[in-house]
Amino acid sequence: MKIRLSEFASPFLTSPTRAQQVCAEIFAHWDIEAVSLDFSNICMITPSFANTLVMNMLHIVSIDELRERVCFENTTPHIDQAINRAFTRRLELGIELTAYMPA
């Protein structure tokens, strides 16, 4: 399944609430098929969005499961950097969210 992030908040991904919605959409299809996150037409992603997306996913599944089931497509260097920083914050620094966790 392909999730076009521009349908959530084009062209700026800034809201942690939107990231939470993307995460919910990913896990709505988790048992059915792998998920591609398509960043086409996205100009900017904030740390708040990236942290919420990545940390919520890693709260539910392991990094190995995530790598196996989620693909990031059509990213830019800026997007890659924001996503990679979020992974580093969670996996290497042990930072977790205090808000925007799934219910």
C-alpha atoms as a PDB file:
ATOM      1  CA  MET A   1       0.000   0.000   0.000  1.00  0.00           C
ATOM      2  CA  LYS A   2       1.205   3.491  -0.798  1.00  0.00           C
ATOM      3  CA  ILE A   3       0.462   6.377   1.552  1.00  0.00           C
ATOM      4  CA  ARG A   4       0.895   9.739  -0.143  1.00  0.00           C
ATOM      5  CA  LEU A   5       1.899  12.115   2.622  1.00  0.00           C
ATOM      6  CA  SER A   6       0.892  15.121   0.531  1.00  0.00           C
ATOM      7  CA  GLU A   7      -2.711  14.031   1.149  1.00  0.00           C
ATOM      8  CA  PHE A   8      -2.210  14.599   4.881  1.00  0.00           C
ATOM      9  CA  ALA A   9      -0.700  18.088   4.798  1.00  0.00           C
ATOM     10  CA  SER A  10       0.725  19.260   1.517  1.00  0.00           C
ATOM     11  CA  PRO A  11       3.396  20.492   1.104  1.00  0.00           C
ATOM     12  CA  PHE A  12       4.483  20.948   4.715  1.00  0.00           C
ATOM     13  CA  LEU A  13       4.546  18.161   7.290  1.00  0.00           C
ATOM     14  CA  THR A  14       4.618  20.111  10.534  1.00  0.00           C
ATOM     15  CA  SER A  15       1.894  18.749  12.798  1.00  0.00           C
ATOM     16  CA  PRO A  16       2.485  15.948  15.289  1.00  0.00           C
ATOM     17  CA  THR A  17      -1.236  15.232  15.068  1.00  0.00           C
ATOM     18  CA  ARG A  18      -0.885  14.607  11.325  1.00  0.00           C
ATOM     19  CA  ALA A  19       2.053  12.275  12.010  1.00  0.00           C
ATOM     20  CA  GLN A  20      -0.128  10.381  14.447  1.00  0.00           C
ATOM     21  CA  GLN A  21      -2.767  10.037  11.703  1.00  0.00           C
ATOM     22  CA  VAL A  22      -0.152   8.696   9.273  1.00  0.00           C
ATOM     23  CA  CYS A  23       1.000   6.204  11.896  1.00  0.00           C
ATOM     24  CA  ALA A  24      -2.576   5.023  12.418  1.00  0.00           C
ATOM     25  CA  GLU A  25      -2.972   4.577   8.667  1.00  0.00           C
ATOM     26  CA  ILE A  26       0.240   2.512   8.516  1.00  0.00           C
ATOM     27  CA  PHE A  27      -0.920   0.153  11.243  1.00  0.00           C
ATOM     28  CA  ALA A  28      -4.420  -0.110   9.810  1.00  0.00           C
ATOM     29  CA  HIS A  29      -2.782  -2.029   6.948  1.00  0.00           C
ATOM     30  CA  TRP A  30       0.110  -3.608   8.851  1.00  0.00           C
ATOM     31  CA  ASP A  31      -1.112  -7.218   8.732  1.00  0.00           C
ATOM     32  CA  ILE A  32      -2.245  -6.984   5.122  1.00  0.00           C
ATOM     33  CA  GLU A  33       0.714  -5.572   3.187  1.00  0.00           C
ATOM     34  CA  ALA A  34       3.916  -3.586   3.332  1.00  0.00           C
ATOM     35  CA  VAL A  35       3.556   0.189   3.315  1.00  0.00           C
ATOM     36  CA  SER A  36       5.311   2.803   1.197  1.00  0.00           C
ATOM     37  CA  LEU A  37       5.403   6.337   2.522  1.00  0.00           C
ATOM     38  CA  ASP A  38       5.510   8.580  -0.534  1.00  0.00           C
ATOM     39  CA  PHE A  39       7.029  12.008   0.134  1.00  0.00           C
ATOM     40  CA  SER A  40       6.344  13.352  -3.384  1.00  0.00           C
ATOM     41  CA  ASN A  41       5.446  17.057  -3.346  1.00  0.00           C
ATOM     42  CA  ILE A  42       6.548  17.495   0.273  1.00  0.00           C
ATOM     43  CA  CYS A  43       8.727  20.586   0.707  1.00  0.00           C
ATOM     44  CA  MET A  44       9.347  20.490   4.434  1.00  0.00           C
ATOM     45  CA  ILE A  45       9.132  18.161   7.408  1.00  0.00           C
ATOM     46  CA  THR A  46       9.602  19.389  10.962  1.00  0.00           C
ATOM     47  CA  PRO A  47      11.281  17.520  13.807  1.00  0.00           C
ATOM     48  CA  SER A  48       7.880  17.375  15.546  1.00  0.00           C
ATOM     49  CA  PHE A  49       6.334  15.490  12.649  1.00  0.00           C
ATOM     50  CA  ALA A  50       9.342  13.200  12.135  1.00  0.00           C
ATOM     51  CA  ASN A  51       9.724  12.409  15.841  1.00  0.00           C
ATOM     52  CA  THR A  52       6.042  11.651  16.278  1.00  0.00           C
ATOM     53  CA  LEU A  53       5.913   9.429  13.205  1.00  0.00           C
ATOM     54  CA  VAL A  54       9.098   7.470  13.924  1.00  0.00           C
ATOM     55  CA  MET A  55       8.707   7.188  17.689  1.00  0.00           C
ATOM     56  CA  ASN A  56       5.080   6.088  17.448  1.00  0.00           C
ATOM     57  CA  MET A  57       6.025   3.393  14.932  1.00  0.00           C
ATOM     58  CA  LEU A  58       8.903   2.194  17.109  1.00  0.00           C
ATOM     59  CA  HIS A  59       6.612   2.188  20.142  1.00  0.00           C
ATOM     60  CA  ILE A  60       4.538  -0.473  18.378  1.00  0.00           C
ATOM     61  CA  VAL A  61       7.080  -2.530  16.401  1.00  0.00           C
ATOM     62  CA  SER A  62      10.813  -3.195  16.416  1.00  0.00           C
ATOM     63  CA  ILE A  63      13.248  -1.490  14.085  1.00  0.00           C
ATOM     64  CA  ASP A  64      13.674  -4.780  12.202  1.00  0.00           C
ATOM     65  CA  GLU A  65       9.932  -5.089  11.612  1.00  0.00           C
ATOM     66  CA  LEU A  66       9.789  -1.461  10.543  1.00  0.00           C
ATOM     67  CA  ARG A  67      12.612  -1.890   8.043  1.00  0.00           C
ATOM     68  CA  GLU A  68      10.915  -4.970   6.657  1.00  0.00           C
ATOM     69  CA  ARG A  69       7.454  -3.444   6.279  1.00  0.00           C
ATOM     70  CA  VAL A  70       7.858   0.315   5.663  1.00  0.00           C
ATOM     71  CA  CYS A  71       9.569   1.981   2.713  1.00  0.00           C
ATOM     72  CA  PHE A  72      10.288   5.717   2.445  1.00  0.00           C
ATOM     73  CA  GLU A  73       9.967   6.919  -1.179  1.00  0.00           C
ATOM     74  CA  ASN A  74      10.679  10.169  -3.014  1.00  0.00           C
ATOM     75  CA  THR A  75      12.460  11.788  -0.109  1.00  0.00           C
ATOM     76  CA  THR A  76      14.780  14.774  -0.297  1.00  0.00           C
ATOM     77  CA  PRO A  77      18.023  15.203   1.652  1.00  0.00           C
ATOM     78  CA  HIS A  78      16.133  17.426   4.128  1.00  0.00           C
ATOM     79  CA  ILE A  79      13.473  14.757   4.678  1.00  0.00           C
ATOM     80  CA  ASP A  80      16.087  12.005   5.018  1.00  0.00           C
ATOM     81  CA  GLN A  81      17.928  14.070   7.601  1.00  0.00           C
ATOM     82  CA  ALA A  82      14.780  14.722   9.668  1.00  0.00           C
ATOM     83  CA  ILE A  83      13.730  11.059   9.591  1.00  0.00           C
ATOM     84  CA  ASN A  84      17.246   9.829  10.405  1.00  0.00           C
ATOM     85  CA  ARG A  85      17.497  12.247  13.344  1.00  0.00           C
ATOM     86  CA  ALA A  86      14.214  10.910  14.696  1.00  0.00           C
ATOM     87  CA  PHE A  87      15.527   7.340  14.479  1.00  0.00           C
ATOM     88  CA  THR A  88      18.742   8.423  16.229  1.00  0.00           C
ATOM     89  CA  ARG A  89      16.820  10.191  18.987  1.00  0.00           C
ATOM     90  CA  ARG A  90      14.820   7.047  19.694  1.00  0.00           C
ATOM     91  CA  LEU A  91      17.313   4.238  19.067  1.00  0.00           C
ATOM     92  CA  GLU A  92      20.611   5.743  20.189  1.00  0.00           C
ATOM     93  CA  LEU A  93      19.548   8.380  22.703  1.00  0.00           C
ATOM     94  CA  GLY A  94      16.535   6.516  24.074  1.00  0.00           C
ATOM     95  CA  ILE A  95      14.237   9.522  23.774  1.00  0.00           C
ATOM     96  CA  GLU A  96      10.534   8.740  23.856  1.00  0.00           C
ATOM     97  CA  LEU A  97       7.479  10.866  23.278  1.00  0.00           C
ATOM     98  CA  THR A  98       5.555  12.262  26.181  1.00  0.00           C
ATOM     99  CA  ALA A  99       2.596  13.195  23.990  1.00  0.00           C
ATOM    100  CA  TYR A 100       1.023  12.023  20.753  1.00  0.00           C
ATOM    101  CA  MET A 101       1.227   8.350  21.671  1.00  0.00           C
ATOM    102  CA  PRO A 102      -1.531   6.133  20.328  1.00  0.00           C
ATOM    103  CA  ALA A 103      -4.344   5.440  22.775  1.00  0.00           C
END
